[in-house]
């Protein structure tokens, strides 16, 4: 069965699948060739204001999650993004790529949960 997988873009071992970068900012030091993306959906990432406020501080994660879900609910691009993920899952796994060091508290974790809840 196909699934959405979370993958840190800097990891050496990368699973197979359709690669979507879900960060608003390009990962520092990563070449476009090495990233090998299917697409870069920067408009699905948290706003710059929210990202800077969160600052990857674990104690802010629950509040960040609430705020980011609100942004996703209000984002005109969200339905199109979910539809793309749904269509790509028909032929294989979809990888949500992110640059954050923290694998448990980042926007890709929230986005995966959100998209799965809408499918």
PDB file of N, CA and C in Angstrom:
ATOM      1  N   UNK A   1       0.831  -1.185   0.000  1.00  0.00           N
ATOM      2  CA  UNK A   1       0.000   0.000   0.000  1.00  0.00           C
ATOM      3  C   UNK A   1       0.881   1.255   0.000  1.00  0.00           C
ATOM      4  N   UNK A   2       0.494   2.221  -0.783  1.00  0.00           N
ATOM      5  CA  UNK A   2       1.292   3.448  -0.858  1.00  0.00           C
ATOM      6  C   UNK A   2       1.008   4.346   0.336  1.00  0.00           C
ATOM      7  N   UNK A   3       1.965   5.205   0.631  1.00  0.00           N
ATOM      8  CA  UNK A   3       1.811   6.079   1.787  1.00  0.00           C
ATOM      9  C   UNK A   3       2.597   7.371   1.614  1.00  0.00           C
ATOM     10  N   UNK A   4       2.277   8.343   2.472  1.00  0.00           N
ATOM     11  CA  UNK A   4       3.048   9.577   2.561  1.00  0.00           C
ATOM     12  C   UNK A   4       4.180   9.312   3.545  1.00  0.00           C
ATOM     13  N   UNK A   5       5.395   9.616   3.137  1.00  0.00           N
ATOM     14  CA  UNK A   5       6.551   9.421   4.010  1.00  0.00           C
ATOM     15  C   UNK A   5       7.224  10.767   4.242  1.00  0.00           C
ATOM     16  N   UNK A   6       7.702  10.971   5.449  1.00  0.00           N
ATOM     17  CA  UNK A   6       8.440  12.177   5.792  1.00  0.00           C
ATOM     18  C   UNK A   6       9.925  11.892   5.660  1.00  0.00           C
ATOM     19  N   UNK A   7      10.627  12.743   4.907  1.00  0.00           N
ATOM     20  CA  UNK A   7      12.039  12.516   4.644  1.00  0.00           C
ATOM     21  C   UNK A   7      12.798  13.836   4.801  1.00  0.00           C
ATOM     22  N   UNK A   8      13.821  13.815   5.620  1.00  0.00           N
ATOM     23  CA  UNK A   8      14.677  14.993   5.728  1.00  0.00           C
ATOM     24  C   UNK A   8      15.521  15.055   4.465  1.00  0.00           C
ATOM     25  N   UNK A   9      15.475  16.180   3.778  1.00  0.00           N
ATOM     26  CA  UNK A   9      16.108  16.290   2.458  1.00  0.00           C
ATOM     27  C   UNK A   9      17.617  16.052   2.511  1.00  0.00           C
ATOM     28  N   UNK A  10      18.228  16.255   3.670  1.00  0.00           N
ATOM     29  CA  UNK A  10      19.682  16.068   3.802  1.00  0.00           C
ATOM     30  C   UNK A  10      20.090  14.623   4.077  1.00  0.00           C
ATOM     31  N   UNK A  11      19.138  13.725   4.334  1.00  0.00           N
ATOM     32  CA  UNK A  11      19.473  12.323   4.612  1.00  0.00           C
ATOM     33  C   UNK A  11      20.133  11.676   3.400  1.00  0.00           C
ATOM     34  N   UNK A  12      21.149  10.855   3.666  1.00  0.00           N
ATOM     35  CA  UNK A  12      21.839  10.163   2.564  1.00  0.00           C
ATOM     36  C   UNK A  12      20.955   9.076   1.976  1.00  0.00           C
ATOM     37  N   UNK A  13      20.268   8.331   2.820  1.00  0.00           N
ATOM     38  CA  UNK A  13      19.362   7.284   2.348  1.00  0.00           C
ATOM     39  C   UNK A  13      17.996   7.907   2.070  1.00  0.00           C
ATOM     40  N   UNK A  14      17.557   7.831   0.832  1.00  0.00           N
ATOM     41  CA  UNK A  14      16.279   8.413   0.431  1.00  0.00           C
ATOM     42  C   UNK A  14      15.396   7.318  -0.167  1.00  0.00           C
ATOM     43  N   UNK A  15      14.197   7.130   0.373  1.00  0.00           N
ATOM     44  CA  UNK A  15      13.302   6.120  -0.194  1.00  0.00           C
ATOM     45  C   UNK A  15      12.810   6.540  -1.582  1.00  0.00           C
ATOM     46  N   UNK A  16      12.270   5.587  -2.306  1.00  0.00           N
ATOM     47  CA  UNK A  16      11.677   5.864  -3.615  1.00  0.00           C
ATOM     48  C   UNK A  16      10.317   6.522  -3.415  1.00  0.00           C
ATOM     49  N   UNK A  17       9.945   7.390  -4.343  1.00  0.00           N
ATOM     50  CA  UNK A  17       8.630   8.001  -4.289  1.00  0.00           C
ATOM     51  C   UNK A  17       8.623   9.355  -4.979  1.00  0.00           C
ATOM     52  N   UNK A  18       7.438   9.923  -5.096  1.00  0.00           N
ATOM     53  CA  UNK A  18       7.280  11.243  -5.696  1.00  0.00           C
ATOM     54  C   UNK A  18       7.703  12.288  -4.669  1.00  0.00           C
ATOM     55  N   UNK A  19       8.676  13.112  -5.020  1.00  0.00           N
ATOM     56  CA  UNK A  19       9.345  14.001  -4.069  1.00  0.00           C
ATOM     57  C   UNK A  19       8.753  15.408  -4.104  1.00  0.00           C
ATOM     58  N   UNK A  20       8.173  15.823  -2.971  1.00  0.00           N
ATOM     59  CA  UNK A  20       7.609  17.171  -2.851  1.00  0.00           C
ATOM     60  C   UNK A  20       8.299  17.890  -1.699  1.00  0.00           C
ATOM     61  N   UNK A  21       8.989  18.978  -2.018  1.00  0.00           N
ATOM     62  CA  UNK A  21       9.566  19.816  -0.970  1.00  0.00           C
ATOM     63  C   UNK A  21       8.436  20.672  -0.400  1.00  0.00           C
ATOM     64  N   UNK A  22       8.207  20.578   0.914  1.00  0.00           N
ATOM     65  CA  UNK A  22       7.087  21.279   1.545  1.00  0.00           C
ATOM     66  C   UNK A  22       7.553  22.452   2.411  1.00  0.00           C
ATOM     67  N   UNK A  23       8.805  22.852   2.270  1.00  0.00           N
ATOM     68  CA  UNK A  23       9.338  24.027   2.964  1.00  0.00           C
ATOM     69  C   UNK A  23       9.113  25.269   2.110  1.00  0.00           C
ATOM     70  N   UNK A  24       8.866  26.386   2.749  1.00  0.00           N
ATOM     71  CA  UNK A  24       8.706  27.657   2.045  1.00  0.00           C
ATOM     72  C   UNK A  24      10.058  28.167   1.546  1.00  0.00           C
ATOM     73  N   UNK A  25      11.116  27.824   2.298  1.00  0.00           N
ATOM     74  CA  UNK A  25      12.465  28.279   1.927  1.00  0.00           C
ATOM     75  C   UNK A  25      13.264  27.098   1.371  1.00  0.00           C
ATOM     76  N   UNK A  26      14.119  27.399   0.384  1.00  0.00           N
ATOM     77  CA  UNK A  26      14.972  26.357  -0.193  1.00  0.00           C
ATOM     78  C   UNK A  26      15.988  25.913   0.865  1.00  0.00           C
ATOM     79  N   UNK A  27      16.216  24.591   1.011  1.00  0.00           N
ATOM     80  CA  UNK A  27      17.170  24.093   2.007  1.00  0.00           C
ATOM     81  C   UNK A  27      18.601  24.559   1.713  1.00  0.00           C
ATOM     82  N   UNK A  28      19.199  25.152   2.703  1.00  0.00           N
ATOM     83  CA  UNK A  28      20.548  25.711   2.578  1.00  0.00           C
ATOM     84  C   UNK A  28      21.540  24.645   2.129  1.00  0.00           C
ATOM     85  N   UNK A  29      22.321  24.965   1.112  1.00  0.00           N
ATOM     86  CA  UNK A  29      23.387  24.073   0.658  1.00  0.00           C
ATOM     87  C   UNK A  29      22.935  22.922  -0.227  1.00  0.00           C
ATOM     88  N   UNK A  30      21.649  22.864  -0.569  1.00  0.00           N
ATOM     89  CA  UNK A  30      21.125  21.758  -1.378  1.00  0.00           C
ATOM     90  C   UNK A  30      21.006  22.230  -2.834  1.00  0.00           C
ATOM     91  N   UNK A  31      21.612  21.464  -3.741  1.00  0.00           N
ATOM     92  CA  UNK A  31      21.490  21.824  -5.156  1.00  0.00           C
ATOM     93  C   UNK A  31      20.160  21.306  -5.707  1.00  0.00           C
ATOM     94  N   UNK A  32      19.654  21.981  -6.716  1.00  0.00           N
ATOM     95  CA  UNK A  32      18.393  21.562  -7.334  1.00  0.00           C
ATOM     96  C   UNK A  32      18.530  20.159  -7.936  1.00  0.00           C
ATOM     97  N   UNK A  33      19.697  19.851  -8.497  1.00  0.00           N
ATOM     98  CA  UNK A  33      19.933  18.535  -9.096  1.00  0.00           C
ATOM     99  C   UNK A  33      19.891  17.453  -8.013  1.00  0.00           C
ATOM    100  N   UNK A  34      20.595  17.689  -6.912  1.00  0.00           N
ATOM    101  CA  UNK A  34      20.642  16.701  -5.835  1.00  0.00           C
ATOM    102  C   UNK A  34      19.271  16.520  -5.180  1.00  0.00           C
ATOM    103  N   UNK A  35      18.498  17.599  -5.091  1.00  0.00           N
ATOM    104  CA  UNK A  35      17.170  17.523  -4.471  1.00  0.00           C
ATOM    105  C   UNK A  35      16.240  16.628  -5.281  1.00  0.00           C
ATOM    106  N   UNK A  36      16.407  16.629  -6.612  1.00  0.00           N
ATOM    107  CA  UNK A  36      15.659  15.734  -7.503  1.00  0.00           C
ATOM    108  C   UNK A  36      14.156  15.739  -7.194  1.00  0.00           C
ATOM    109  N   UNK A  37      13.567  16.937  -7.228  1.00  0.00           N
ATOM    110  CA  UNK A  37      12.168  17.098  -6.822  1.00  0.00           C
ATOM    111  C   UNK A  37      11.186  16.809  -7.944  1.00  0.00           C
ATOM    112  N   UNK A  38      10.015  16.289  -7.559  1.00  0.00           N
ATOM    113  CA  UNK A  38       8.879  16.256  -8.461  1.00  0.00           C
ATOM    114  C   UNK A  38       8.274  17.655  -8.517  1.00  0.00           C
ATOM    115  N   UNK A  39       8.196  18.291  -7.339  1.00  0.00           N
ATOM    116  CA  UNK A  39       7.723  19.668  -7.257  1.00  0.00           C
ATOM    117  C   UNK A  39       8.140  20.284  -5.929  1.00  0.00           C
ATOM    118  N   UNK A  40       8.112  21.599  -5.924  1.00  0.00           N
ATOM    119  CA  UNK A  40       8.391  22.371  -4.715  1.00  0.00           C
ATOM    120  C   UNK A  40       7.154  23.209  -4.440  1.00  0.00           C
ATOM    121  N   UNK A  41       6.398  22.824  -3.434  1.00  0.00           N
ATOM    122  CA  UNK A  41       5.142  23.503  -3.107  1.00  0.00           C
ATOM    123  C   UNK A  41       5.345  24.426  -1.912  1.00  0.00           C
ATOM    124  N   UNK A  42       6.119  25.503  -2.157  1.00  0.00           N
ATOM    125  CA  UNK A  42       6.447  26.411  -1.056  1.00  0.00           C
ATOM    126  C   UNK A  42       5.219  27.086  -0.469  1.00  0.00           C
ATOM    127  N   UNK A  43       4.152  27.239  -1.266  1.00  0.00           N
ATOM    128  CA  UNK A  43       2.951  27.913  -0.765  1.00  0.00           C
ATOM    129  C   UNK A  43       2.176  27.078   0.251  1.00  0.00           C
ATOM    130  N   UNK A  44       2.525  25.799   0.421  1.00  0.00           N
ATOM    131  CA  UNK A  44       1.858  24.958   1.423  1.00  0.00           C
ATOM    132  C   UNK A  44       2.576  25.046   2.771  1.00  0.00           C
ATOM    133  N   UNK A  45       3.778  25.567   2.791  1.00  0.00           N
ATOM    134  CA  UNK A  45       4.526  25.709   4.042  1.00  0.00           C
ATOM    135  C   UNK A  45       3.942  26.805   4.920  1.00  0.00           C
ATOM    136  N   UNK A  46       4.308  26.797   6.199  1.00  0.00           N
ATOM    137  CA  UNK A  46       3.814  27.849   7.091  1.00  0.00           C
ATOM    138  C   UNK A  46       4.310  29.222   6.643  1.00  0.00           C
ATOM    139  N   UNK A  47       3.533  30.250   6.959  1.00  0.00           N
ATOM    140  CA  UNK A  47       3.945  31.608   6.596  1.00  0.00           C
ATOM    141  C   UNK A  47       5.277  31.933   7.261  1.00  0.00           C
ATOM    142  N   UNK A  48       5.987  32.891   6.684  1.00  0.00           N
ATOM    143  CA  UNK A  48       7.264  33.318   7.248  1.00  0.00           C
ATOM    144  C   UNK A  48       7.075  33.769   8.689  1.00  0.00           C
ATOM    145  N   UNK A  49       6.007  34.504   8.946  1.00  0.00           N
ATOM    146  CA  UNK A  49       5.719  34.991  10.299  1.00  0.00           C
ATOM    147  C   UNK A  49       5.587  33.822  11.289  1.00  0.00           C
ATOM    148  N   UNK A  50       4.809  32.807  10.917  1.00  0.00           N
ATOM    149  CA  UNK A  50       4.609  31.653  11.798  1.00  0.00           C
ATOM    150  C   UNK A  50       5.896  30.858  11.960  1.00  0.00           C
ATOM    151  N   UNK A  51       6.612  30.671  10.873  1.00  0.00           N
ATOM    152  CA  UNK A  51       7.869  29.911  10.911  1.00  0.00           C
ATOM    153  C   UNK A  51       8.875  30.584  11.841  1.00  0.00           C
ATOM    154  N   UNK A  52       9.001  31.908  11.724  1.00  0.00           N
ATOM    155  CA  UNK A  52       9.956  32.630  12.577  1.00  0.00           C
ATOM    156  C   UNK A  52       9.520  32.596  14.039  1.00  0.00           C
ATOM    157  N   UNK A  53       8.216  32.698  14.282  1.00  0.00           N
ATOM    158  CA  UNK A  53       7.712  32.637  15.664  1.00  0.00           C
ATOM    159  C   UNK A  53       8.025  31.272  16.280  1.00  0.00           C
ATOM    160  N   UNK A  54       7.759  30.196  15.558  1.00  0.00           N
ATOM    161  CA  UNK A  54       7.988  28.834  16.047  1.00  0.00           C
ATOM    162  C   UNK A  54       9.468  28.598  16.323  1.00  0.00           C
ATOM    163  N   UNK A  55      10.304  28.964  15.352  1.00  0.00           N
ATOM    164  CA  UNK A  55      11.757  28.875  15.506  1.00  0.00           C
ATOM    165  C   UNK A  55      12.220  27.478  15.948  1.00  0.00           C
ATOM    166  N   UNK A  56      11.459  26.450  15.601  1.00  0.00           N
ATOM    167  CA  UNK A  56      11.774  25.050  15.932  1.00  0.00           C
ATOM    168  C   UNK A  56      12.009  24.837  17.432  1.00  0.00           C
ATOM    169  N   UNK A  57      11.231  25.545  18.246  1.00  0.00           N
ATOM    170  CA  UNK A  57      11.311  25.379  19.697  1.00  0.00           C
ATOM    171  C   UNK A  57      10.243  24.369  20.106  1.00  0.00           C
ATOM    172  N   UNK A  58      10.691  23.221  20.641  1.00  0.00           N
ATOM    173  CA  UNK A  58       9.794  22.112  20.966  1.00  0.00           C
ATOM    174  C   UNK A  58       8.604  22.530  21.823  1.00  0.00           C
ATOM    175  N   UNK A  59       8.839  23.413  22.783  1.00  0.00           N
ATOM    176  CA  UNK A  59       7.755  23.793  23.699  1.00  0.00           C
ATOM    177  C   UNK A  59       6.648  24.584  22.993  1.00  0.00           C
ATOM    178  N   UNK A  60       6.927  25.090  21.807  1.00  0.00           N
ATOM    179  CA  UNK A  60       5.913  25.837  21.044  1.00  0.00           C
ATOM    180  C   UNK A  60       5.173  24.959  20.031  1.00  0.00           C
ATOM    181  N   UNK A  61       5.551  23.677  19.947  1.00  0.00           N
ATOM    182  CA  UNK A  61       5.048  22.844  18.845  1.00  0.00           C
ATOM    183  C   UNK A  61       3.525  22.708  18.831  1.00  0.00           C
ATOM    184  N   UNK A  62       2.901  22.460  19.966  1.00  0.00           N
ATOM    185  CA  UNK A  62       1.439  22.275  19.969  1.00  0.00           C
ATOM    186  C   UNK A  62       0.714  23.536  19.498  1.00  0.00           C
ATOM    187  N   UNK A  63       1.176  24.689  19.950  1.00  0.00           N
ATOM    188  CA  UNK A  63       0.564  25.944  19.502  1.00  0.00           C
ATOM    189  C   UNK A  63       0.872  26.192  18.019  1.00  0.00           C
ATOM    190  N   UNK A  64       2.102  25.868  17.612  1.00  0.00           N
ATOM    191  CA  UNK A  64       2.469  25.977  16.197  1.00  0.00           C
ATOM    192  C   UNK A  64       1.545  25.112  15.346  1.00  0.00           C
ATOM    193  N   UNK A  65       1.308  23.884  15.799  1.00  0.00           N
ATOM    194  CA  UNK A  65       0.454  22.952  15.057  1.00  0.00           C
ATOM    195  C   UNK A  65      -0.945  23.544  14.866  1.00  0.00           C
ATOM    196  N   UNK A  66      -1.522  24.081  15.916  1.00  0.00           N
ATOM    197  CA  UNK A  66      -2.853  24.700  15.821  1.00  0.00           C
ATOM    198  C   UNK A  66      -2.861  25.848  14.818  1.00  0.00           C
ATOM    199  N   UNK A  67      -1.853  26.700  14.906  1.00  0.00           N
ATOM    200  CA  UNK A  67      -1.779  27.868  14.020  1.00  0.00           C
ATOM    201  C   UNK A  67      -1.555  27.451  12.564  1.00  0.00           C
ATOM    202  N   UNK A  68      -0.717  26.447  12.365  1.00  0.00           N
ATOM    203  CA  UNK A  68      -0.428  25.983  11.006  1.00  0.00           C
ATOM    204  C   UNK A  68      -1.661  25.313  10.391  1.00  0.00           C
ATOM    205  N   UNK A  69      -2.393  24.543  11.170  1.00  0.00           N
ATOM    206  CA  UNK A  69      -3.627  23.924  10.669  1.00  0.00           C
ATOM    207  C   UNK A  69      -4.627  25.009  10.260  1.00  0.00           C
ATOM    208  N   UNK A  70      -4.706  26.062  11.027  1.00  0.00           N
ATOM    209  CA  UNK A  70      -5.576  27.189  10.685  1.00  0.00           C
ATOM    210  C   UNK A  70      -5.130  27.805   9.357  1.00  0.00           C
ATOM    211  N   UNK A  71      -3.827  27.969   9.180  1.00  0.00           N
ATOM    212  CA  UNK A  71      -3.309  28.484   7.907  1.00  0.00           C
ATOM    213  C   UNK A  71      -3.660  27.544   6.756  1.00  0.00           C
ATOM    214  N   UNK A  72      -3.512  26.239   6.971  1.00  0.00           N
ATOM    215  CA  UNK A  72      -3.843  25.269   5.920  1.00  0.00           C
ATOM    216  C   UNK A  72      -5.322  25.337   5.561  1.00  0.00           C
ATOM    217  N   UNK A  73      -6.175  25.456   6.578  1.00  0.00           N
ATOM    218  CA  UNK A  73      -7.624  25.565   6.343  1.00  0.00           C
ATOM    219  C   UNK A  73      -7.972  26.797   5.503  1.00  0.00           C
ATOM    220  N   UNK A  74      -7.213  27.869   5.684  1.00  0.00           N
ATOM    221  CA  UNK A  74      -7.499  29.135   4.998  1.00  0.00           C
ATOM    222  C   UNK A  74      -6.706  29.315   3.703  1.00  0.00           C
ATOM    223  N   UNK A  75      -5.798  28.399   3.409  1.00  0.00           N
ATOM    224  CA  UNK A  75      -4.921  28.509   2.243  1.00  0.00           C
ATOM    225  C   UNK A  75      -5.658  28.039   0.986  1.00  0.00           C
ATOM    226  N   UNK A  76      -5.773  28.920  -0.005  1.00  0.00           N
ATOM    227  CA  UNK A  76      -6.462  28.581  -1.262  1.00  0.00           C
ATOM    228  C   UNK A  76      -5.781  27.439  -2.014  1.00  0.00           C
ATOM    229  N   UNK A  77      -4.496  27.209  -1.763  1.00  0.00           N
ATOM    230  CA  UNK A  77      -3.738  26.167  -2.458  1.00  0.00           C
ATOM    231  C   UNK A  77      -3.946  24.780  -1.847  1.00  0.00           C
ATOM    232  N   UNK A  78      -4.414  24.708  -0.602  1.00  0.00           N
ATOM    233  CA  UNK A  78      -4.508  23.427   0.114  1.00  0.00           C
ATOM    234  C   UNK A  78      -5.323  22.366  -0.642  1.00  0.00           C
ATOM    235  N   UNK A  79      -6.525  22.668  -1.156  1.00  0.00           N
ATOM    236  CA  UNK A  79      -7.284  21.610  -1.857  1.00  0.00           C
ATOM    237  C   UNK A  79      -6.531  21.052  -3.070  1.00  0.00           C
ATOM    238  N   UNK A  80      -5.861  21.926  -3.815  1.00  0.00           N
ATOM    239  CA  UNK A  80      -5.088  21.484  -4.977  1.00  0.00           C
ATOM    240  C   UNK A  80      -3.923  20.592  -4.539  1.00  0.00           C
ATOM    241  N   UNK A  81      -3.269  20.974  -3.458  1.00  0.00           N
ATOM    242  CA  UNK A  81      -2.160  20.181  -2.934  1.00  0.00           C
ATOM    243  C   UNK A  81      -2.635  18.789  -2.529  1.00  0.00           C
ATOM    244  N   UNK A  82      -3.737  18.722  -1.813  1.00  0.00           N
ATOM    245  CA  UNK A  82      -4.278  17.428  -1.367  1.00  0.00           C
ATOM    246  C   UNK A  82      -4.646  16.565  -2.572  1.00  0.00           C
ATOM    247  N   UNK A  83      -5.225  17.176  -3.582  1.00  0.00           N
ATOM    248  CA  UNK A  83      -5.596  16.441  -4.802  1.00  0.00           C
ATOM    249  C   UNK A  83      -4.358  15.884  -5.501  1.00  0.00           C
ATOM    250  N   UNK A  84      -3.297  16.678  -5.572  1.00  0.00           N
ATOM    251  CA  UNK A  84      -2.039  16.221  -6.179  1.00  0.00           C
ATOM    252  C   UNK A  84      -1.493  15.015  -5.421  1.00  0.00           C
ATOM    253  N   UNK A  85      -1.474  15.114  -4.089  1.00  0.00           N
ATOM    254  CA  UNK A  85      -0.959  14.008  -3.268  1.00  0.00           C
ATOM    255  C   UNK A  85      -1.798  12.754  -3.502  1.00  0.00           C
ATOM    256  N   UNK A  86      -3.115  12.913  -3.501  1.00  0.00           N
ATOM    257  CA  UNK A  86      -4.032  11.777  -3.732  1.00  0.00           C
ATOM    258  C   UNK A  86      -3.722  11.095  -5.064  1.00  0.00           C
ATOM    259  N   UNK A  87      -3.564  11.904  -6.110  1.00  0.00           N
ATOM    260  CA  UNK A  87      -3.295  11.357  -7.447  1.00  0.00           C
ATOM    261  C   UNK A  87      -1.943  10.664  -7.515  1.00  0.00           C
ATOM    262  N   UNK A  88      -0.925  11.247  -6.894  1.00  0.00           N
ATOM    263  CA  UNK A  88       0.419  10.656  -6.923  1.00  0.00           C
ATOM    264  C   UNK A  88       0.465   9.350  -6.111  1.00  0.00           C
ATOM    265  N   UNK A  89      -0.341   9.263  -5.054  1.00  0.00           N
ATOM    266  CA  UNK A  89      -0.371   8.037  -4.239  1.00  0.00           C
ATOM    267  C   UNK A  89      -0.928   6.845  -5.008  1.00  0.00           C
ATOM    268  N   UNK A  90      -1.642   7.082  -6.092  1.00  0.00           N
ATOM    269  CA  UNK A  90      -2.179   5.981  -6.909  1.00  0.00           C
ATOM    270  C   UNK A  90      -1.071   5.181  -7.570  1.00  0.00           C
ATOM    271  N   UNK A  91       0.093   5.830  -7.794  1.00  0.00           N
ATOM    272  CA  UNK A  91       1.169   5.136  -8.488  1.00  0.00           C
ATOM    273  C   UNK A  91       2.412   4.904  -7.627  1.00  0.00           C
ATOM    274  N   UNK A  92       2.379   5.315  -6.360  1.00  0.00           N
ATOM    275  CA  UNK A  92       3.533   5.074  -5.497  1.00  0.00           C
ATOM    276  C   UNK A  92       3.518   5.964  -4.273  1.00  0.00           C
ATOM    277  N   UNK A  93       4.543   5.809  -3.459  1.00  0.00           N
ATOM    278  CA  UNK A  93       4.653   6.629  -2.249  1.00  0.00           C
ATOM    279  C   UNK A  93       4.885   8.094  -2.614  1.00  0.00           C
ATOM    280  N   UNK A  94       4.478   8.981  -1.714  1.00  0.00           N
ATOM    281  CA  UNK A  94       4.747  10.406  -1.843  1.00  0.00           C
ATOM    282  C   UNK A  94       5.642  10.792  -0.673  1.00  0.00           C
ATOM    283  N   UNK A  95       6.734  11.476  -0.995  1.00  0.00           N
ATOM    284  CA  UNK A  95       7.681  11.896   0.033  1.00  0.00           C
ATOM    285  C   UNK A  95       7.513  13.383   0.295  1.00  0.00           C
ATOM    286  N   UNK A  96       7.233  13.741   1.548  1.00  0.00           N
ATOM    287  CA  UNK A  96       7.225  15.143   1.972  1.00  0.00           C
ATOM    288  C   UNK A  96       8.631  15.448   2.471  1.00  0.00           C
ATOM    289  N   UNK A  97       9.367  16.228   1.710  1.00  0.00           N
ATOM    290  CA  UNK A  97      10.741  16.563   2.053  1.00  0.00           C
ATOM    291  C   UNK A  97      10.783  17.869   2.836  1.00  0.00           C
ATOM    292  N   UNK A  98      11.627  17.906   3.850  1.00  0.00           N
ATOM    293  CA  UNK A  98      11.771  19.083   4.691  1.00  0.00           C
ATOM    294  C   UNK A  98      13.229  19.218   5.108  1.00  0.00           C
ATOM    295  N   UNK A  99      13.616  20.402   5.552  1.00  0.00           N
ATOM    296  CA  UNK A  99      15.001  20.638   5.932  1.00  0.00           C
ATOM    297  C   UNK A  99      15.264  20.649   7.426  1.00  0.00           C
ATOM    298  N   UNK A 100      14.228  20.723   8.241  1.00  0.00           N
ATOM    299  CA  UNK A 100      14.390  20.862   9.697  1.00  0.00           C
ATOM    300  C   UNK A 100      15.197  19.713  10.293  1.00  0.00           C
ATOM    301  N   UNK A 101      16.001  20.031  11.309  1.00  0.00           N
ATOM    302  CA  UNK A 101      16.784  18.993  12.000  1.00  0.00           C
ATOM    303  C   UNK A 101      15.900  18.121  12.875  1.00  0.00           C
ATOM    304  N   UNK A 102      14.893  18.718  13.485  1.00  0.00           N
ATOM    305  CA  UNK A 102      14.009  17.989  14.399  1.00  0.00           C
ATOM    306  C   UNK A 102      13.003  17.174  13.582  1.00  0.00           C
ATOM    307  N   UNK A 103      13.065  15.861  13.695  1.00  0.00           N
ATOM    308  CA  UNK A 103      12.213  14.980  12.891  1.00  0.00           C
ATOM    309  C   UNK A 103      10.802  14.826  13.460  1.00  0.00           C
ATOM    310  N   UNK A 104      10.599  15.197  14.719  1.00  0.00           N
ATOM    311  CA  UNK A 104       9.289  15.014  15.356  1.00  0.00           C
ATOM    312  C   UNK A 104       8.472  16.292  15.431  1.00  0.00           C
ATOM    313  N   UNK A 105       9.135  17.424  15.486  1.00  0.00           N
ATOM    314  CA  UNK A 105       8.442  18.704  15.649  1.00  0.00           C
ATOM    315  C   UNK A 105       8.781  19.635  14.494  1.00  0.00           C
ATOM    316  N   UNK A 106       8.126  19.419  13.357  1.00  0.00           N
ATOM    317  CA  UNK A 106       8.315  20.287  12.200  1.00  0.00           C
ATOM    318  C   UNK A 106       7.019  20.347  11.390  1.00  0.00           C
ATOM    319  N   UNK A 107       6.971  21.246  10.426  1.00  0.00           N
ATOM    320  CA  UNK A 107       5.728  21.441   9.690  1.00  0.00           C
ATOM    321  C   UNK A 107       5.341  20.249   8.823  1.00  0.00           C
ATOM    322  N   UNK A 108       6.302  19.460   8.373  1.00  0.00           N
ATOM    323  CA  UNK A 108       5.980  18.292   7.538  1.00  0.00           C
ATOM    324  C   UNK A 108       5.177  17.265   8.333  1.00  0.00           C
ATOM    325  N   UNK A 109       5.472  17.125   9.621  1.00  0.00           N
ATOM    326  CA  UNK A 109       4.728  16.207  10.493  1.00  0.00           C
ATOM    327  C   UNK A 109       3.262  16.643  10.556  1.00  0.00           C
ATOM    328  N   UNK A 110       3.049  17.936  10.759  1.00  0.00           N
ATOM    329  CA  UNK A 110       1.690  18.481  10.831  1.00  0.00           C
ATOM    330  C   UNK A 110       0.993  18.329   9.483  1.00  0.00           C
ATOM    331  N   UNK A 111       1.698  18.640   8.408  1.00  0.00           N
ATOM    332  CA  UNK A 111       1.115  18.578   7.064  1.00  0.00           C
ATOM    333  C   UNK A 111       0.693  17.157   6.706  1.00  0.00           C
ATOM    334  N   UNK A 112       1.523  16.177   7.013  1.00  0.00           N
ATOM    335  CA  UNK A 112       1.194  14.774   6.716  1.00  0.00           C
ATOM    336  C   UNK A 112      -0.091  14.370   7.440  1.00  0.00           C
ATOM    337  N   UNK A 113      -0.152  14.676   8.730  1.00  0.00           N
ATOM    338  CA  UNK A 113      -1.336  14.349   9.523  1.00  0.00           C
ATOM    339  C   UNK A 113      -2.579  15.052   8.948  1.00  0.00           C
ATOM    340  N   UNK A 114      -2.417  16.297   8.576  1.00  0.00           N
ATOM    341  CA  UNK A 114      -3.516  17.095   8.032  1.00  0.00           C
ATOM    342  C   UNK A 114      -4.015  16.506   6.706  1.00  0.00           C
ATOM    343  N   UNK A 115      -3.102  16.234   5.793  1.00  0.00           N
ATOM    344  CA  UNK A 115      -3.481  15.706   4.477  1.00  0.00           C
ATOM    345  C   UNK A 115      -4.154  14.347   4.634  1.00  0.00           C
ATOM    346  N   UNK A 116      -3.596  13.484   5.477  1.00  0.00           N
ATOM    347  CA  UNK A 116      -4.189  12.152   5.669  1.00  0.00           C
ATOM    348  C   UNK A 116      -5.595  12.267   6.253  1.00  0.00           C
ATOM    349  N   UNK A 117      -5.822  13.253   7.102  1.00  0.00           N
ATOM    350  CA  UNK A 117      -7.152  13.420   7.683  1.00  0.00           C
ATOM    351  C   UNK A 117      -8.186  13.912   6.666  1.00  0.00           C
ATOM    352  N   UNK A 118      -7.705  14.511   5.572  1.00  0.00           N
ATOM    353  CA  UNK A 118      -8.603  15.060   4.541  1.00  0.00           C
ATOM    354  C   UNK A 118      -8.846  14.086   3.391  1.00  0.00           C
ATOM    355  N   UNK A 119      -8.133  12.962   3.380  1.00  0.00           N
ATOM    356  CA  UNK A 119      -8.267  12.015   2.260  1.00  0.00           C
ATOM    357  C   UNK A 119      -9.267  10.904   2.590  1.00  0.00           C
TER     358      UNK A 119
END
